[in-house]
C-alpha cells in the first residue's frame, strides 16, 4: 500500500522532471519509511539534482505520504 501511494505521488512529479529531459524511477520503499529513487536522463547528471531530490521530490512525498521519512538517491 505504501509503495502504491509513493508511486502515485511520483507520477504527479514526473511531468515537471520530464519537461527538463529527466525522470525519476522508484527503486524501493523500505518499511522504515525510506524511499529509494534513481534520477535518470538529464536529472541523473544535473548538478542541481540534490536540490531537486530534497526540495521537490522528498518535500512533496513527505507532505502527501506522512509515512515517508526520507528520500535517498541510488
C-alpha atoms as a PDB file:
ATOM      1  CA  UNK A   1       0.000   0.000   0.000  1.00  0.00           C
ATOM      2  CA  UNK A   2       2.794   2.463   0.887  1.00  0.00           C
ATOM      3  CA  UNK A   3       4.605   1.733  -2.368  1.00  0.00           C
ATOM      4  CA  UNK A   4       1.449   2.488  -4.357  1.00  0.00           C
ATOM      5  CA  UNK A   5       0.993   5.813  -2.547  1.00  0.00           C
ATOM      6  CA  UNK A   6       4.602   6.777  -3.292  1.00  0.00           C
ATOM      7  CA  UNK A   7       4.283   5.774  -6.938  1.00  0.00           C
ATOM      8  CA  UNK A   8       1.102   7.846  -7.250  1.00  0.00           C
ATOM      9  CA  UNK A   9       2.852  10.973  -5.947  1.00  0.00           C
ATOM     10  CA  UNK A  10       5.892  10.342  -8.165  1.00  0.00           C
ATOM     11  CA  UNK A  11       3.588  10.094 -11.190  1.00  0.00           C
ATOM     12  CA  UNK A  12       2.453  13.644 -10.443  1.00  0.00           C
ATOM     13  CA  UNK A  13       6.054  14.906 -10.051  1.00  0.00           C
ATOM     14  CA  UNK A  14       7.303  13.254 -13.248  1.00  0.00           C
ATOM     15  CA  UNK A  15       5.907  15.777 -15.768  1.00  0.00           C
ATOM     16  CA  UNK A  16       7.968  18.559 -14.169  1.00  0.00           C
ATOM     17  CA  UNK A  17      11.139  16.457 -14.464  1.00  0.00           C
ATOM     18  CA  UNK A  18      10.322  15.257 -17.966  1.00  0.00           C
ATOM     19  CA  UNK A  19       9.934  18.840 -19.218  1.00  0.00           C
ATOM     20  CA  UNK A  20      13.639  19.257 -18.480  1.00  0.00           C
ATOM     21  CA  UNK A  21      14.627  15.929 -20.065  1.00  0.00           C
ATOM     22  CA  UNK A  22      14.818  13.904 -16.851  1.00  0.00           C
ATOM     23  CA  UNK A  23      12.778  11.436 -14.857  1.00  0.00           C
ATOM     24  CA  UNK A  24      12.633   9.596 -11.550  1.00  0.00           C
ATOM     25  CA  UNK A  25      12.384   5.831 -11.032  1.00  0.00           C
ATOM     26  CA  UNK A  26      11.173   4.258  -7.820  1.00  0.00           C
ATOM     27  CA  UNK A  27      13.706   1.672  -6.677  1.00  0.00           C
ATOM     28  CA  UNK A  28      12.385   0.677  -3.251  1.00  0.00           C
ATOM     29  CA  UNK A  29      10.231   1.718  -0.324  1.00  0.00           C
ATOM     30  CA  UNK A  30      11.649   0.371   2.924  1.00  0.00           C
ATOM     31  CA  UNK A  31       9.417  -0.464   5.908  1.00  0.00           C
ATOM     32  CA  UNK A  32      11.084   2.304   7.948  1.00  0.00           C
ATOM     33  CA  UNK A  33       9.802   4.979   5.528  1.00  0.00           C
ATOM     34  CA  UNK A  34      12.950   5.453   3.463  1.00  0.00           C
ATOM     35  CA  UNK A  35      12.209   5.804  -0.247  1.00  0.00           C
ATOM     36  CA  UNK A  36      14.983   4.990  -2.707  1.00  0.00           C
ATOM     37  CA  UNK A  37      14.836   6.543  -6.155  1.00  0.00           C
ATOM     38  CA  UNK A  38      17.036   6.816  -9.219  1.00  0.00           C
ATOM     39  CA  UNK A  39      17.185  10.072 -11.142  1.00  0.00           C
ATOM     40  CA  UNK A  40      17.628   9.418 -14.860  1.00  0.00           C
ATOM     41  CA  UNK A  41      18.116  11.378 -18.049  1.00  0.00           C
ATOM     42  CA  UNK A  42      19.087  14.998 -17.568  1.00  0.00           C
ATOM     43  CA  UNK A  43      18.302  14.702 -13.843  1.00  0.00           C
ATOM     44  CA  UNK A  44      20.895  11.981 -13.411  1.00  0.00           C
ATOM     45  CA  UNK A  45      23.746  14.269 -14.406  1.00  0.00           C
ATOM     46  CA  UNK A  46      22.404  17.658 -13.348  1.00  0.00           C
ATOM     47  CA  UNK A  47      24.465  19.491 -10.717  1.00  0.00           C
ATOM     48  CA  UNK A  48      21.174  20.616  -9.136  1.00  0.00           C
ATOM     49  CA  UNK A  49      19.853  17.047  -8.747  1.00  0.00           C
ATOM     50  CA  UNK A  50      20.329  17.128  -4.959  1.00  0.00           C
ATOM     51  CA  UNK A  51      18.153  20.232  -4.746  1.00  0.00           C
ATOM     52  CA  UNK A  52      15.516  18.586  -6.934  1.00  0.00           C
ATOM     53  CA  UNK A  53      15.652  15.449  -4.820  1.00  0.00           C
ATOM     54  CA  UNK A  54      15.235  17.223  -1.471  1.00  0.00           C
ATOM     55  CA  UNK A  55      13.156  20.305  -2.329  1.00  0.00           C
ATOM     56  CA  UNK A  56      10.794  18.784  -4.876  1.00  0.00           C
ATOM     57  CA  UNK A  57      10.646  15.008  -4.578  1.00  0.00           C
ATOM     58  CA  UNK A  58      11.264  14.475  -0.858  1.00  0.00           C
ATOM     59  CA  UNK A  59       9.248  17.502   0.277  1.00  0.00           C
ATOM     60  CA  UNK A  60       6.234  16.506  -1.833  1.00  0.00           C
ATOM     61  CA  UNK A  61       6.382  12.864  -0.768  1.00  0.00           C
ATOM     62  CA  UNK A  62       6.665  13.726   2.932  1.00  0.00           C
ATOM     63  CA  UNK A  63       3.760  16.162   2.661  1.00  0.00           C
ATOM     64  CA  UNK A  64       1.433  13.772   0.837  1.00  0.00           C
ATOM     65  CA  UNK A  65       2.543  10.459   2.356  1.00  0.00           C
ATOM     66  CA  UNK A  66       3.251  11.006   6.070  1.00  0.00           C
ATOM     67  CA  UNK A  67       4.843   7.546   6.393  1.00  0.00           C
ATOM     68  CA  UNK A  68       7.771   8.715   4.239  1.00  0.00           C
ATOM     69  CA  UNK A  69      10.716   9.721   6.448  1.00  0.00           C
ATOM     70  CA  UNK A  70      13.344  10.454   3.796  1.00  0.00           C
ATOM     71  CA  UNK A  71      14.219  10.012   0.129  1.00  0.00           C
ATOM     72  CA  UNK A  72      17.603   8.732  -0.989  1.00  0.00           C
ATOM     73  CA  UNK A  73      19.130   8.634  -4.444  1.00  0.00           C
ATOM     74  CA  UNK A  74      20.732   5.358  -5.507  1.00  0.00           C
END
